[in-house]
N, C-alpha and C. Protein backbone atom coordinates (compact mmCIF):
# COMPACT_ATOMS: atom_id res chain seq x y z
N MET A 1 -5.96 -9.76 -10.41
CA MET A 1 -5.76 -8.90 -9.81
C MET A 1 -6.76 -8.66 -8.93
N ALA A 2 -7.03 -7.97 -7.96
CA ALA A 2 -7.85 -7.71 -6.81
C ALA A 2 -8.83 -6.33 -7.11
N ARG A 3 -9.87 -6.15 -6.63
CA ARG A 3 -10.73 -5.10 -6.88
C ARG A 3 -10.65 -4.78 -5.56
N ILE A 4 -10.31 -3.39 -4.51
CA ILE A 4 -9.61 -3.07 -3.58
C ILE A 4 -10.58 -1.90 -3.42
N LEU A 5 -11.28 -2.20 -2.15
CA LEU A 5 -12.31 -0.56 -1.51
C LEU A 5 -11.31 -0.15 -0.52
N LEU A 6 -10.74 1.09 -0.74
CA LEU A 6 -9.45 1.40 0.51
C LEU A 6 -10.42 2.88 1.22
N ILE A 7 -11.05 2.16 2.53
CA ILE A 7 -11.75 3.71 3.07
C ILE A 7 -10.98 4.49 3.62
N GLY A 8 -10.73 5.78 3.90
CA GLY A 8 -10.07 6.62 4.10
C GLY A 8 -9.21 7.36 2.88
N GLY A 9 -9.60 7.52 1.83
CA GLY A 9 -8.61 7.18 0.55
C GLY A 9 -7.86 8.68 0.60
N HIS A 10 -7.54 9.59 1.10
CA HIS A 10 -7.02 10.86 1.23
C HIS A 10 -6.19 11.26 2.05
N GLY A 11 -5.93 10.37 3.29
CA GLY A 11 -4.95 9.84 4.31
C GLY A 11 -3.63 10.00 3.69
N LYS A 12 -2.73 10.33 4.51
CA LYS A 12 -1.25 10.60 3.99
C LYS A 12 -0.70 9.27 4.01
N VAL A 13 -1.16 8.12 4.19
CA VAL A 13 -0.56 6.49 4.24
C VAL A 13 -1.38 6.28 2.86
N ALA A 14 -2.60 6.25 2.93
CA ALA A 14 -3.52 6.01 1.62
C ALA A 14 -3.09 6.50 0.36
N LEU A 15 -2.39 7.50 0.55
CA LEU A 15 -2.39 8.28 -1.06
C LEU A 15 -0.97 7.83 -1.60
N LEU A 16 -0.25 7.42 -0.75
CA LEU A 16 1.19 6.24 -0.91
C LEU A 16 0.87 5.00 -0.76
N ALA A 17 -0.30 4.63 -0.38
CA ALA A 17 -0.23 3.17 -0.93
C ALA A 17 -1.30 3.00 -2.34
N GLU A 18 -2.24 3.65 -2.47
CA GLU A 18 -2.61 4.09 -3.85
C GLU A 18 -1.63 3.43 -5.28
N PRO A 19 -1.24 4.57 -5.43
CA PRO A 19 -0.41 3.97 -6.91
C PRO A 19 0.67 2.65 -6.49
N ARG A 20 0.64 2.46 -5.28
CA ARG A 20 1.64 1.13 -5.11
C ARG A 20 0.62 0.23 -5.66
N LEU A 21 -0.50 0.21 -5.09
CA LEU A 21 -1.06 -1.20 -5.37
C LEU A 21 -1.98 -0.83 -6.64
N VAL A 22 -1.72 -0.03 -7.44
CA VAL A 22 -2.20 0.19 -8.78
C VAL A 22 -1.45 -0.27 -9.62
N ALA A 23 0.02 -0.33 -9.41
CA ALA A 23 1.09 -0.23 -9.95
C ALA A 23 1.55 -1.80 -10.53
N VAL A 24 0.50 -2.96 -8.98
CA VAL A 24 0.71 -3.89 -9.40
C VAL A 24 -0.42 -4.58 -10.37
N GLY A 25 -1.70 -3.77 -10.57
CA GLY A 25 -2.52 -3.99 -11.18
C GLY A 25 -3.70 -4.50 -10.62
N HIS A 26 -4.02 -3.66 -9.17
CA HIS A 26 -5.28 -3.70 -8.33
C HIS A 26 -6.16 -2.79 -8.82
N HIS A 27 -7.14 -2.39 -8.92
CA HIS A 27 -8.08 -1.83 -9.22
C HIS A 27 -8.52 -1.23 -7.84
N VAL A 28 -8.23 0.19 -7.32
CA VAL A 28 -8.32 0.62 -6.25
C VAL A 28 -9.47 1.55 -6.38
N THR A 29 -10.07 1.44 -5.70
CA THR A 29 -11.61 2.73 -5.25
C THR A 29 -11.22 3.10 -3.95
N ALA A 30 -10.83 4.52 -3.95
CA ALA A 30 -10.75 5.26 -2.53
C ALA A 30 -11.51 5.82 -2.03
N VAL A 31 -12.03 5.46 -1.24
CA VAL A 31 -13.81 6.27 -0.51
C VAL A 31 -12.76 7.36 0.33
N ILE A 32 -13.53 9.03 -0.23
CA ILE A 32 -13.37 9.94 0.57
C ILE A 32 -14.72 10.55 1.38
N ARG A 33 -14.37 11.64 1.85
CA ARG A 33 -15.50 12.34 2.30
C ARG A 33 -15.69 13.69 1.50
N ASN A 34 -14.60 14.20 1.37
CA ASN A 34 -14.44 15.56 0.75
C ASN A 34 -14.44 15.69 -0.57
N PRO A 35 -15.09 15.90 -1.50
CA PRO A 35 -15.18 15.92 -2.81
C PRO A 35 -14.09 16.51 -3.32
N GLU A 36 -13.53 17.78 -3.06
CA GLU A 36 -12.48 18.52 -3.31
C GLU A 36 -11.22 17.56 -3.52
N HIS A 37 -11.35 16.45 -2.86
CA HIS A 37 -9.85 15.79 -2.70
C HIS A 37 -9.79 14.48 -3.94
N GLU A 38 -10.70 14.70 -4.89
CA GLU A 38 -11.19 13.98 -6.02
C GLU A 38 -9.75 13.58 -6.86
N ASP A 39 -9.83 14.73 -6.82
CA ASP A 39 -8.17 15.10 -8.23
C ASP A 39 -7.24 14.44 -7.21
N ASP A 40 -7.02 14.73 -6.27
CA ASP A 40 -5.54 14.14 -5.23
C ASP A 40 -5.76 12.46 -5.64
N VAL A 41 -6.80 11.87 -5.03
CA VAL A 41 -6.78 10.52 -5.55
C VAL A 41 -6.81 9.99 -6.64
N ALA A 42 -7.08 10.84 -7.69
CA ALA A 42 -7.22 10.27 -9.17
C ALA A 42 -5.84 10.09 -9.65
N ALA A 43 -4.88 11.09 -9.08
CA ALA A 43 -3.69 11.51 -9.65
C ALA A 43 -3.08 10.27 -9.03
N THR A 44 -3.55 9.12 -8.11
CA THR A 44 -2.82 8.30 -7.83
C THR A 44 -3.06 6.62 -8.87
N GLY A 45 -3.97 7.02 -9.49
CA GLY A 45 -4.44 6.06 -10.41
C GLY A 45 -5.42 5.12 -9.90
N ALA A 46 -6.23 5.99 -8.38
CA ALA A 46 -7.12 5.01 -7.88
C ALA A 46 -8.38 5.73 -8.38
N THR A 47 -9.38 5.00 -8.58
CA THR A 47 -10.80 5.60 -8.12
C THR A 47 -11.67 6.51 -6.88
N PRO A 48 -11.57 7.38 -6.90
CA PRO A 48 -12.38 8.48 -6.31
C PRO A 48 -13.42 7.86 -5.86
N LEU A 49 -14.13 7.82 -5.01
CA LEU A 49 -15.65 7.96 -4.80
C LEU A 49 -16.22 8.41 -3.25
N VAL A 50 -16.86 9.29 -3.54
CA VAL A 50 -17.20 10.27 -2.37
C VAL A 50 -18.30 9.40 -1.76
N ALA A 51 -18.32 9.03 -0.23
CA ALA A 51 -19.19 9.01 0.25
C ALA A 51 -18.71 9.44 1.96
N ASP A 52 -19.83 9.73 2.75
CA ASP A 52 -19.75 9.69 4.12
C ASP A 52 -19.82 8.50 5.03
N VAL A 53 -18.73 7.75 5.48
CA VAL A 53 -19.34 6.44 5.80
C VAL A 53 -19.50 6.79 7.45
N GLU A 54 -19.23 7.81 7.98
CA GLU A 54 -19.41 7.89 9.34
C GLU A 54 -21.11 7.90 9.27
N SER A 55 -21.91 7.95 8.75
CA SER A 55 -23.19 8.14 8.78
C SER A 55 -24.06 6.89 7.83
N PHE A 56 -22.98 6.01 7.21
CA PHE A 56 -23.59 4.98 6.51
C PHE A 56 -24.19 3.89 7.58
N ASP A 57 -25.56 3.40 7.30
CA ASP A 57 -25.94 2.78 7.80
C ASP A 57 -25.21 1.05 7.28
N ALA A 58 -26.03 -0.06 7.94
CA ALA A 58 -25.44 -1.32 7.77
C ALA A 58 -25.49 -1.74 6.08
N ASP A 59 -27.08 -1.07 5.77
CA ASP A 59 -27.33 -1.93 4.43
C ASP A 59 -26.41 -0.93 3.54
N GLN A 60 -26.29 0.56 3.72
CA GLN A 60 -25.16 1.36 2.85
C GLN A 60 -23.96 0.88 3.05
N PHE A 61 -23.49 0.22 3.88
CA PHE A 61 -22.18 0.04 4.00
C PHE A 61 -22.03 -1.44 3.27
N THR A 62 -23.17 -2.18 2.82
CA THR A 62 -22.84 -3.33 2.29
C THR A 62 -22.97 -3.30 0.75
N ASN A 63 -23.57 -2.49 0.34
CA ASN A 63 -23.93 -1.93 -0.84
C ASN A 63 -22.09 -1.26 -1.19
N LEU A 64 -21.72 -0.30 -0.23
CA LEU A 64 -20.35 0.10 -0.82
C LEU A 64 -19.16 -1.14 -0.97
N VAL A 65 -19.29 -2.16 0.19
CA VAL A 65 -18.33 -2.90 -0.13
C VAL A 65 -18.75 -3.83 -1.42
N SER A 66 -19.87 -4.34 -1.87
CA SER A 66 -20.04 -5.35 -2.57
C SER A 66 -19.50 -5.02 -3.91
N GLY A 67 -19.31 -6.40 -4.39
CA GLY A 67 -17.99 -6.55 -5.65
C GLY A 67 -16.85 -6.10 -5.58
N ASN A 68 -16.35 -5.66 -4.20
CA ASN A 68 -14.76 -5.72 -4.03
C ASN A 68 -14.08 -7.32 -3.73
N ASP A 69 -12.95 -7.50 -3.73
CA ASP A 69 -12.30 -8.49 -3.11
C ASP A 69 -11.63 -8.32 -1.83
N VAL A 70 -11.47 -7.11 -1.47
CA VAL A 70 -10.69 -6.38 -0.64
C VAL A 70 -11.17 -5.34 0.28
N VAL A 71 -11.06 -5.45 1.19
CA VAL A 71 -11.37 -3.85 2.26
C VAL A 71 -10.14 -3.58 2.66
N ILE A 72 -9.98 -2.34 2.72
CA ILE A 72 -8.61 -1.74 3.65
C ILE A 72 -9.26 -0.75 4.17
N TRP A 73 -9.12 -0.70 5.56
CA TRP A 73 -9.82 0.20 6.69
C TRP A 73 -8.49 1.48 6.76
N SER A 74 -8.41 2.27 5.97
CA SER A 74 -7.32 3.68 6.55
C SER A 74 -8.01 4.68 6.87
N ALA A 75 -8.98 4.63 7.50
CA ALA A 75 -10.06 5.85 7.57
C ALA A 75 -9.63 6.32 9.30
N GLY A 76 -9.91 7.62 9.44
CA GLY A 76 -9.74 7.77 11.01
C GLY A 76 -10.43 9.64 11.07
N ALA A 77 -10.83 9.27 12.34
CA ALA A 77 -11.58 11.01 13.01
C ALA A 77 -10.20 12.48 13.02
N GLY A 78 -8.95 11.53 13.02
CA GLY A 78 -8.26 12.63 13.53
C GLY A 78 -8.08 13.62 14.28
N GLY A 79 -8.59 12.98 15.22
CA GLY A 79 -8.54 13.72 16.84
C GLY A 79 -10.11 14.13 16.90
N GLY A 80 -9.90 15.33 17.63
CA GLY A 80 -10.88 16.23 17.84
C GLY A 80 -12.06 15.87 18.97
N SER A 81 -13.31 15.43 18.47
CA SER A 81 -14.23 15.42 19.89
C SER A 81 -14.31 13.66 20.23
N PRO A 82 -14.40 13.44 20.84
CA PRO A 82 -14.31 11.68 21.49
C PRO A 82 -15.18 11.32 20.80
N GLU A 83 -16.66 11.99 20.82
CA GLU A 83 -18.02 11.46 19.90
C GLU A 83 -17.26 11.06 18.78
N ARG A 84 -16.90 12.07 17.90
CA ARG A 84 -16.54 11.81 16.52
C ARG A 84 -15.43 10.76 16.25
N THR A 85 -14.75 10.67 17.19
CA THR A 85 -14.05 9.24 17.40
C THR A 85 -14.05 8.19 17.40
N TYR A 86 -15.37 8.02 18.31
CA TYR A 86 -15.79 6.72 18.37
C TYR A 86 -16.76 6.46 17.35
N ALA A 87 -17.52 7.38 17.05
CA ALA A 87 -18.28 7.04 15.37
C ALA A 87 -17.58 6.75 14.67
N VAL A 88 -16.64 7.43 14.13
CA VAL A 88 -15.76 6.99 12.65
C VAL A 88 -14.68 5.65 13.38
N ASP A 89 -13.71 5.64 14.30
CA ASP A 89 -12.85 4.95 14.38
C ASP A 89 -13.59 3.26 15.08
N ARG A 90 -14.17 3.78 16.01
CA ARG A 90 -15.20 2.39 16.42
C ARG A 90 -15.84 2.05 15.69
N ASP A 91 -17.15 2.61 15.49
CA ASP A 91 -18.58 2.07 15.20
C ASP A 91 -18.66 2.11 13.84
N ALA A 92 -18.23 2.71 12.84
CA ALA A 92 -18.12 3.07 11.33
C ALA A 92 -17.00 1.51 10.91
N ALA A 93 -16.01 1.48 11.72
CA ALA A 93 -15.05 0.44 11.23
C ALA A 93 -15.71 -0.49 11.69
N ILE A 94 -16.70 -0.84 12.46
CA ILE A 94 -17.30 -1.85 12.71
C ILE A 94 -18.35 -2.67 11.70
N ARG A 95 -19.08 -1.16 11.26
CA ARG A 95 -20.09 -1.39 10.21
C ARG A 95 -19.46 -1.72 8.98
N SER A 96 -18.23 -1.28 8.79
CA SER A 96 -17.77 -1.74 7.64
C SER A 96 -16.89 -3.62 7.74
N ILE A 97 -16.74 -3.85 8.79
CA ILE A 97 -16.61 -5.29 9.10
C ILE A 97 -17.61 -6.13 8.79
N ASP A 98 -18.80 -5.58 9.48
CA ASP A 98 -20.07 -6.56 9.16
C ASP A 98 -20.38 -6.39 7.58
N ALA A 99 -20.46 -5.19 7.27
CA ALA A 99 -20.31 -5.30 5.57
C ALA A 99 -19.99 -6.52 4.66
N ALA A 100 -18.28 -6.39 5.46
CA ALA A 100 -17.64 -7.15 4.41
C ALA A 100 -18.27 -8.50 4.80
N VAL A 101 -18.66 -9.11 5.59
CA VAL A 101 -18.77 -10.74 5.92
C VAL A 101 -20.50 -10.81 5.33
N ALA A 102 -21.16 -9.69 5.36
CA ALA A 102 -22.53 -9.77 4.73
C ALA A 102 -22.66 -9.63 3.40
N ALA A 103 -21.62 -8.93 2.69
CA ALA A 103 -21.12 -9.09 0.97
C ALA A 103 -20.14 -10.12 0.32
N GLY A 104 -19.67 -10.85 1.45
CA GLY A 104 -18.96 -11.87 1.14
C GLY A 104 -17.78 -11.54 1.14
N VAL A 105 -16.94 -10.28 1.17
CA VAL A 105 -15.84 -9.76 0.82
C VAL A 105 -14.76 -10.57 2.05
N ARG A 106 -14.02 -11.32 1.44
CA ARG A 106 -13.33 -12.36 2.73
C ARG A 106 -12.17 -11.81 3.15
N ARG A 107 -11.47 -10.65 2.28
CA ARG A 107 -10.08 -9.82 3.04
C ARG A 107 -10.36 -8.86 3.38
N TYR A 108 -9.74 -8.42 4.49
CA TYR A 108 -10.06 -7.41 4.79
C TYR A 108 -8.34 -6.62 5.71
N VAL A 109 -8.01 -5.47 5.58
CA VAL A 109 -6.69 -5.15 5.78
C VAL A 109 -7.49 -4.01 6.88
N MET A 110 -7.01 -3.86 8.03
CA MET A 110 -7.01 -2.97 9.22
C MET A 110 -5.25 -2.17 9.49
N VAL A 111 -5.86 -0.94 9.47
CA VAL A 111 -4.42 0.20 9.81
C VAL A 111 -4.96 0.13 11.24
N SER A 112 -4.18 -0.46 12.03
CA SER A 112 -4.40 -0.14 13.66
C SER A 112 -2.83 1.11 13.96
N TYR A 113 -2.39 0.51 15.32
CA TYR A 113 -1.19 1.17 15.86
C TYR A 113 -0.62 0.29 16.75
N PHE A 114 0.72 0.38 16.96
CA PHE A 114 1.63 -0.21 17.50
C PHE A 114 0.84 -0.31 19.01
N GLY A 115 0.57 -1.52 19.76
CA GLY A 115 0.07 -1.28 21.20
C GLY A 115 -1.22 -0.76 21.18
N ALA A 116 -2.21 -1.19 20.24
CA ALA A 116 -3.52 -1.37 20.28
C ALA A 116 -4.23 -2.27 20.98
N GLY A 117 -5.01 -2.18 21.58
CA GLY A 117 -5.97 -3.73 22.14
C GLY A 117 -6.32 -3.17 23.55
N PRO A 118 -7.44 -4.13 24.30
CA PRO A 118 -7.61 -3.93 25.68
C PRO A 118 -6.84 -3.46 26.85
N ASP A 119 -5.60 -4.03 26.82
CA ASP A 119 -4.42 -3.65 27.78
C ASP A 119 -3.73 -2.51 27.31
N HIS A 120 -4.45 -1.36 26.20
CA HIS A 120 -3.43 -0.21 25.74
C HIS A 120 -2.76 0.38 26.99
N GLY A 121 -3.18 0.49 27.79
CA GLY A 121 -2.57 1.06 29.07
C GLY A 121 -2.86 2.53 28.66
N VAL A 122 -3.73 3.27 27.89
CA VAL A 122 -3.53 4.82 27.55
C VAL A 122 -4.68 4.95 29.07
N ASP A 123 -4.40 6.33 29.94
CA ASP A 123 -4.71 6.98 31.25
C ASP A 123 -6.22 7.29 30.40
N PRO A 124 -7.22 7.22 31.07
CA PRO A 124 -8.46 7.65 30.92
C PRO A 124 -8.66 9.77 30.71
N GLY A 125 -7.80 10.09 31.20
CA GLY A 125 -7.30 11.59 30.89
C GLY A 125 -6.87 12.21 29.86
N ASP A 126 -5.92 11.02 29.20
CA ASP A 126 -5.54 11.29 28.19
C ASP A 126 -6.35 11.61 26.78
N ALA A 127 -5.96 12.63 26.25
CA ALA A 127 -7.16 12.85 24.83
C ALA A 127 -6.70 12.10 23.60
N PHE A 128 -5.94 10.73 24.11
CA PHE A 128 -5.64 9.72 23.30
C PHE A 128 -6.59 8.34 23.78
N PHE A 129 -6.99 8.70 24.90
CA PHE A 129 -7.81 7.36 25.40
C PHE A 129 -9.01 7.00 24.28
N PRO A 130 -9.83 7.99 24.00
CA PRO A 130 -11.02 7.79 22.94
C PRO A 130 -10.27 6.62 21.53
N TYR A 131 -9.04 7.61 20.94
CA TYR A 131 -8.52 6.42 20.25
C TYR A 131 -8.21 5.07 20.24
N ALA A 132 -7.63 5.57 21.45
CA ALA A 132 -7.12 3.47 22.00
C ALA A 132 -8.59 2.92 22.15
N GLU A 133 -9.31 3.46 22.68
CA GLU A 133 -10.48 2.52 23.03
C GLU A 133 -11.19 2.00 22.04
N ALA A 134 -11.05 2.99 21.07
CA ALA A 134 -12.21 2.91 19.45
C ALA A 134 -11.21 1.71 18.80
N LYS A 135 -9.51 1.86 18.54
CA LYS A 135 -9.19 0.59 17.93
C LYS A 135 -9.34 -0.63 18.76
N ALA A 136 -8.78 -0.31 20.05
CA ALA A 136 -9.17 -2.03 20.79
C ALA A 136 -10.62 -2.40 20.30
N ALA A 137 -11.63 -1.93 20.31
CA ALA A 137 -13.08 -2.40 19.72
C ALA A 137 -13.29 -2.81 18.58
N ALA A 138 -12.32 -2.30 17.57
CA ALA A 138 -12.69 -2.23 16.40
C ALA A 138 -11.86 -3.64 15.82
N ASP A 139 -10.53 -3.54 16.44
CA ASP A 139 -9.81 -4.74 15.77
C ASP A 139 -10.31 -5.94 16.95
N GLU A 140 -10.63 -5.82 17.76
CA GLU A 140 -11.28 -7.24 18.26
C GLU A 140 -12.47 -7.28 17.65
N HIS A 141 -13.49 -6.74 17.17
CA HIS A 141 -14.29 -7.19 16.06
C HIS A 141 -13.69 -7.84 14.90
N LEU A 142 -13.02 -7.58 14.46
CA LEU A 142 -12.15 -7.99 13.35
C LEU A 142 -11.83 -9.01 13.45
N ARG A 143 -11.21 -9.40 14.72
CA ARG A 143 -10.51 -10.82 14.86
C ARG A 143 -11.34 -11.53 15.00
N SER A 144 -12.43 -11.28 15.20
CA SER A 144 -13.49 -12.49 15.55
C SER A 144 -14.91 -12.39 14.87
N SER A 145 -14.23 -11.62 13.40
CA SER A 145 -15.47 -12.17 12.08
C SER A 145 -15.61 -12.61 11.08
N GLY A 146 -14.33 -13.93 11.41
CA GLY A 146 -14.35 -14.80 10.18
C GLY A 146 -14.00 -14.68 9.12
N LEU A 147 -13.45 -13.40 8.95
CA LEU A 147 -13.16 -12.71 7.47
C LEU A 147 -11.16 -13.28 7.78
N ASP A 148 -10.62 -13.56 6.61
CA ASP A 148 -9.40 -12.92 6.37
C ASP A 148 -8.76 -12.10 6.42
N TRP A 149 -8.47 -11.69 7.88
CA TRP A 149 -8.11 -10.58 8.50
C TRP A 149 -6.41 -10.15 8.75
N THR A 150 -5.84 -8.69 8.51
CA THR A 150 -4.90 -8.90 8.81
C THR A 150 -4.68 -7.17 9.60
N ILE A 151 -3.85 -7.22 10.58
CA ILE A 151 -4.46 -5.68 11.31
C ILE A 151 -2.73 -5.59 11.33
N LEU A 152 -2.33 -4.21 10.85
CA LEU A 152 -1.42 -3.68 10.58
C LEU A 152 -1.14 -2.46 12.18
N ALA A 153 0.12 -2.06 12.43
CA ALA A 153 0.02 -1.95 13.66
C ALA A 153 1.45 -1.10 13.79
N PRO A 154 1.47 -0.03 12.89
CA PRO A 154 2.84 0.96 12.65
C PRO A 154 2.87 1.63 14.14
N SER A 155 4.02 1.67 14.45
CA SER A 155 4.43 2.60 15.51
C SER A 155 4.64 4.12 15.14
N ALA A 156 4.93 4.84 15.65
CA ALA A 156 4.62 6.59 15.65
C ALA A 156 5.13 6.63 14.12
N LEU A 157 4.32 7.77 13.36
CA LEU A 157 4.53 7.91 11.85
C LEU A 157 5.55 8.80 11.48
N THR A 158 6.18 8.82 10.72
CA THR A 158 6.99 10.24 10.17
C THR A 158 6.98 10.28 8.88
N LEU A 159 7.51 11.39 8.53
CA LEU A 159 7.71 11.77 6.87
C LEU A 159 9.17 11.41 6.25
N ASP A 160 9.72 10.64 7.13
CA ASP A 160 10.87 10.27 6.14
C ASP A 160 10.58 9.55 5.13
N ASP A 161 11.96 9.43 4.12
CA ASP A 161 12.12 8.61 2.72
C ASP A 161 11.20 7.21 3.48
N ALA A 162 10.77 6.52 2.40
CA ALA A 162 11.35 4.99 2.33
C ALA A 162 12.46 4.40 2.48
N THR A 163 12.42 3.56 3.12
CA THR A 163 13.86 2.15 3.31
C THR A 163 13.43 1.11 2.75
N GLY A 164 12.19 0.67 2.49
CA GLY A 164 11.45 -0.99 2.25
C GLY A 164 12.12 -1.42 3.00
N ARG A 165 12.20 -0.96 4.31
CA ARG A 165 12.75 -2.30 5.54
C ARG A 165 11.82 -1.85 6.64
N ILE A 166 11.61 -2.85 7.37
CA ILE A 166 11.00 -2.75 8.84
C ILE A 166 11.38 -3.67 9.78
N ASP A 167 11.03 -3.87 11.20
CA ASP A 167 11.24 -4.56 12.32
C ASP A 167 10.30 -4.98 12.87
N VAL A 168 9.78 -6.06 12.93
CA VAL A 168 8.28 -6.79 13.09
C VAL A 168 8.78 -7.43 14.80
N ASP A 169 9.72 -7.61 15.13
CA ASP A 169 10.18 -8.16 16.56
C ASP A 169 10.16 -7.37 17.53
N ALA A 170 10.37 -6.07 17.70
CA ALA A 170 10.27 -5.60 18.78
C ALA A 170 9.02 -4.95 19.49
N ALA A 171 9.80 -4.80 20.96
CA ALA A 171 8.56 -5.17 22.16
C ALA A 171 8.20 -3.80 21.86
N ASP A 172 8.73 -2.83 22.09
CA ASP A 172 8.54 -1.27 22.16
C ASP A 172 8.51 -0.59 21.13
N ALA A 173 7.39 0.20 21.01
CA ALA A 173 7.10 1.40 19.58
C ALA A 173 8.38 1.96 19.46
N ALA A 174 8.48 2.40 18.26
CA ALA A 174 9.37 3.61 18.26
C ALA A 174 9.14 4.23 17.14
N SER A 175 9.43 4.25 15.56
CA SER A 175 8.63 5.36 14.52
C SER A 175 8.94 4.56 13.53
N VAL A 176 8.02 4.60 12.24
CA VAL A 176 8.15 4.24 10.97
C VAL A 176 7.67 5.23 10.09
N SER A 177 8.20 5.52 8.78
CA SER A 177 7.83 6.29 7.86
C SER A 177 6.44 5.80 7.57
N ARG A 178 5.71 6.89 6.86
CA ARG A 178 4.46 6.89 6.46
C ARG A 178 4.40 6.03 5.29
N ALA A 179 5.54 6.43 4.09
CA ALA A 179 6.06 5.79 3.15
C ALA A 179 6.29 4.38 3.45
N ASP A 180 6.98 3.87 4.03
CA ASP A 180 7.05 2.56 4.45
C ASP A 180 5.61 1.60 5.20
N VAL A 181 4.72 2.42 5.76
CA VAL A 181 3.85 1.53 5.97
C VAL A 181 2.83 1.60 4.53
N ALA A 182 3.04 2.36 3.88
CA ALA A 182 1.89 2.30 2.42
C ALA A 182 2.61 0.90 2.01
N HIS A 183 3.71 0.97 1.91
CA HIS A 183 4.47 -0.54 1.34
C HIS A 183 3.88 -1.62 2.09
N VAL A 184 3.55 -1.81 3.05
CA VAL A 184 3.68 -2.67 4.02
C VAL A 184 1.99 -3.23 3.75
N ILE A 185 1.18 -2.02 3.48
CA ILE A 185 -0.16 -2.20 3.24
C ILE A 185 -0.11 -3.00 1.95
N ALA A 186 0.65 -2.22 0.74
CA ALA A 186 0.43 -3.08 -0.33
C ALA A 186 1.15 -4.49 -0.46
N ALA A 187 2.11 -4.70 0.43
CA ALA A 187 2.64 -6.16 0.28
C ALA A 187 1.75 -6.88 1.22
N SER A 188 0.85 -6.65 2.22
CA SER A 188 0.34 -7.68 2.76
C SER A 188 -1.10 -8.21 1.95
N VAL A 189 -1.85 -6.99 1.27
CA VAL A 189 -2.83 -7.54 0.35
C VAL A 189 -2.34 -8.40 -0.27
N ASP A 190 -0.99 -8.66 -0.90
CA ASP A 190 -0.88 -9.81 -2.02
C ASP A 190 -0.17 -10.92 -1.23
N GLU A 191 -0.11 -11.10 0.30
CA GLU A 191 0.96 -12.13 0.79
C GLU A 191 -0.48 -12.74 1.48
N PRO A 192 -0.74 -14.08 1.23
CA PRO A 192 -1.82 -14.47 1.91
C PRO A 192 -1.31 -14.83 3.26
N ARG A 193 0.09 -15.11 3.69
CA ARG A 193 0.26 -15.64 4.94
C ARG A 193 0.16 -14.61 5.75
N THR A 194 -0.34 -13.31 5.62
CA THR A 194 -0.37 -12.26 6.55
C THR A 194 -1.95 -12.26 7.12
N ALA A 195 -2.58 -13.11 6.67
CA ALA A 195 -4.14 -13.14 7.09
C ALA A 195 -4.07 -14.09 8.47
N GLY A 196 -4.87 -13.40 9.16
CA GLY A 196 -5.03 -13.91 10.86
C GLY A 196 -3.75 -13.35 11.50
N ARG A 197 -3.36 -12.56 11.36
CA ARG A 197 -1.95 -11.82 11.97
C ARG A 197 -2.14 -10.48 12.03
N THR A 198 -1.69 -10.12 13.34
CA THR A 198 -1.68 -8.55 13.71
C THR A 198 -0.23 -8.58 13.66
N ILE A 199 0.63 -7.54 12.90
CA ILE A 199 1.89 -7.08 12.19
C ILE A 199 1.95 -6.00 13.20
N SER A 200 2.72 -6.00 14.14
CA SER A 200 3.37 -4.72 14.76
C SER A 200 4.69 -4.24 14.37
N PHE A 201 5.29 -2.67 14.05
CA PHE A 201 6.35 -2.48 13.17
C PHE A 201 7.05 -1.70 13.77
N ASN A 202 8.23 -1.20 13.67
CA ASN A 202 9.00 -0.13 13.65
C ASN A 202 9.83 0.15 11.89
N ALA A 203 10.58 1.13 12.15
CA ALA A 203 11.51 0.88 10.72
C ALA A 203 12.87 -0.19 11.44
N GLY A 204 13.21 -0.57 10.51
CA GLY A 204 14.03 -1.53 10.76
C GLY A 204 15.14 -1.94 9.84
N ASP A 205 15.78 -3.58 9.36
CA ASP A 205 16.56 -3.70 8.47
C ASP A 205 16.02 -4.81 7.76
N VAL A 206 14.71 -5.51 7.78
CA VAL A 206 14.43 -6.74 7.60
C VAL A 206 13.26 -5.90 6.12
N PRO A 207 13.84 -6.89 4.89
CA PRO A 207 12.87 -6.08 3.81
C PRO A 207 11.26 -6.28 3.99
N ILE A 208 10.40 -5.37 3.54
CA ILE A 208 9.21 -5.75 4.09
C ILE A 208 8.58 -6.68 3.66
N GLU A 209 8.71 -7.38 1.94
CA GLU A 209 8.15 -8.24 1.58
C GLU A 209 8.81 -9.65 2.96
N ASP A 210 10.08 -9.91 2.95
CA ASP A 210 10.38 -10.88 3.96
C ASP A 210 9.73 -10.78 4.94
N ALA A 211 9.55 -9.46 5.77
CA ALA A 211 9.18 -9.60 7.17
C ALA A 211 7.71 -9.77 7.22
N VAL A 212 6.79 -9.63 5.98
CA VAL A 212 5.37 -9.77 6.17
C VAL A 212 5.13 -11.43 6.07
N SER A 213 5.95 -11.49 4.89
CA SER A 213 5.47 -13.03 4.64
C SER A 213 6.29 -14.08 5.95
N ARG A 214 6.66 -14.24 6.78
CA ARG A 214 7.35 -14.59 7.85
C ARG A 214 5.54 -15.63 8.31
């Protein structure tokens, strides 16, 4: 099984993904910024690691990812100032990708959002614009990295129960539960056919393992 470094380990989706990954035998190190969150992460079976990735330089990031088989990026600034959004969602994400390349960690799974990209269409005056720009830059950097990358692009996140099913064919965003996003993360790590793919998805009717293995 794989050694996984999950960055953003105390997020709502990450806390649901960690026990899924641990349950199938992966060793998960979950990177968190706040030491008060260590117990929450440990309760999932993952190993918490306190590190402020926003402040890490290239060498520190390379040391962080070294020795792992997979990097999962599930971190985010969570809104707030545009400066911090760019610092975390763009700059730190890009440094983590470069660190994976430098450390020889071939597999990288990025959690993005439905509609991300240079043509995201978000108005510059919208508060969401910095996040849209940051994700577009990070996703494009990952696609050009040479890594075995997968970009997961869920639509609007809900707190609904898991269904185990998604729709990867919809042209427009709708919604999907955080629990099902966590399931998609775990399924994608173990499915080599997801490498080199951007998987945009809503809640749907197709079993997740079938949907990601297409």
